[in-house]
Amino acid sequence: PVDIDIDAATIDFATLRGALGKLISKELGMRGIGMSMVLEEAITVDDLRDVARRTLKQISDRKGLAAAAEARKFLFGS
C-alpha cells in the first residue's frame, strides 16, 4: 500500500482540504461522491488524514499503486 503517514504539525488544514477535494474529483469522479461528503464533514487534520488514507486506497484499488503514489505526491509533495 501507499504510505500515507503525515505529520499533522506540518500540514495546513485548508490547503490539504482543497487538494483532497481536487484529487477526489479528478481521480474518482462520480464514484468519489461519498468521499466528497466525508471530506465536507472533516474538521480536524486527523479527519483529513483519514479522508486521504481512504481516498488513496480507493485510487490504488481502481487505478493501481502507481496512480496512488502520484496522488500522494500531489497531496503531500513526497
Protein backbone atom coordinates (compact mmCIF):
# COMPACT_ATOMS: atom_id res chain seq x y z
CA PRO A 1 0.00 0.00 0.00
CA VAL A 2 0.94 3.63 -0.46
CA ASP A 3 2.46 5.25 2.64
CA ILE A 4 0.11 7.92 3.97
CA ASP A 5 1.52 8.78 7.36
CA ILE A 6 1.58 12.55 7.63
CA ASP A 7 2.83 14.87 10.31
CA ALA A 8 -0.13 16.93 11.47
CA ALA A 9 2.21 19.69 12.64
CA THR A 10 3.41 20.34 9.09
CA ILE A 11 0.03 20.25 7.35
CA ASP A 12 -2.08 23.31 6.62
CA PHE A 13 -5.71 22.24 7.04
CA ALA A 14 -7.18 24.46 4.31
CA THR A 15 -4.50 23.57 1.77
CA LEU A 16 -4.84 19.83 2.37
CA ARG A 17 -8.64 20.03 2.31
CA GLY A 18 -8.59 21.85 -1.03
CA ALA A 19 -6.09 19.41 -2.52
CA LEU A 20 -8.16 16.44 -1.36
CA GLY A 21 -11.27 17.90 -2.96
CA LYS A 22 -9.48 18.33 -6.29
CA LEU A 23 -7.95 14.87 -6.08
CA ILE A 24 -11.26 13.16 -5.29
CA SER A 25 -12.95 14.91 -8.19
CA LYS A 26 -10.14 14.25 -10.66
CA GLU A 27 -9.29 10.67 -9.76
CA LEU A 28 -12.59 9.23 -8.55
CA GLY A 29 -15.16 11.29 -10.45
CA MET A 30 -18.74 10.31 -9.72
CA ARG A 31 -17.50 7.36 -7.66
CA GLY A 32 -15.95 9.86 -5.28
CA ILE A 33 -19.23 11.50 -4.24
CA GLY A 34 -19.32 9.57 -0.98
CA MET A 35 -15.75 10.54 -0.19
CA SER A 36 -16.54 14.16 -1.04
CA MET A 37 -19.33 14.04 1.54
CA VAL A 38 -16.91 12.65 4.14
CA LEU A 39 -14.47 15.44 3.25
CA GLU A 40 -17.20 18.05 3.82
CA GLU A 41 -17.56 16.77 7.39
CA ALA A 42 -13.82 16.85 8.15
CA ILE A 43 -13.00 19.38 10.86
CA THR A 44 -9.52 18.34 12.02
CA VAL A 45 -6.22 17.37 10.42
CA ASP A 46 -6.82 13.85 11.76
CA ASP A 47 -10.13 13.80 9.86
CA LEU A 48 -8.29 14.86 6.71
CA ARG A 49 -5.67 12.17 7.30
CA ASP A 50 -8.46 9.60 7.35
CA VAL A 51 -10.00 11.01 4.17
CA ALA A 52 -6.58 10.99 2.48
CA ARG A 53 -5.96 7.39 3.56
CA ARG A 54 -9.34 6.26 2.26
CA THR A 55 -9.02 8.24 -0.98
CA LEU A 56 -5.57 6.87 -1.74
CA LYS A 57 -6.82 3.34 -1.04
CA GLN A 58 -9.69 3.82 -3.49
CA ILE A 59 -7.32 5.22 -6.12
CA SER A 60 -4.97 2.29 -5.54
CA ASP A 61 -7.81 -0.23 -5.82
CA ARG A 62 -9.20 1.34 -9.01
CA LYS A 63 -6.11 2.59 -10.81
CA GLY A 64 -3.16 0.82 -9.22
CA LEU A 65 -0.29 1.64 -6.88
CA ALA A 66 1.48 3.94 -9.33
CA ALA A 67 -1.61 6.18 -9.59
CA ALA A 68 -1.95 6.20 -5.80
CA ALA A 69 1.72 7.13 -5.41
CA GLU A 70 1.27 10.04 -7.82
CA ALA A 71 -1.84 11.12 -5.91
CA ARG A 72 0.15 11.06 -2.65
CA LYS A 73 2.81 13.25 -4.24
CA PHE A 74 0.09 15.69 -5.32
CA LEU A 75 -1.25 15.85 -1.76
CA PHE A 76 1.94 15.87 0.26
CA GLY A 77 4.74 16.66 -2.15
CA SER A 78 6.62 13.45 -1.43
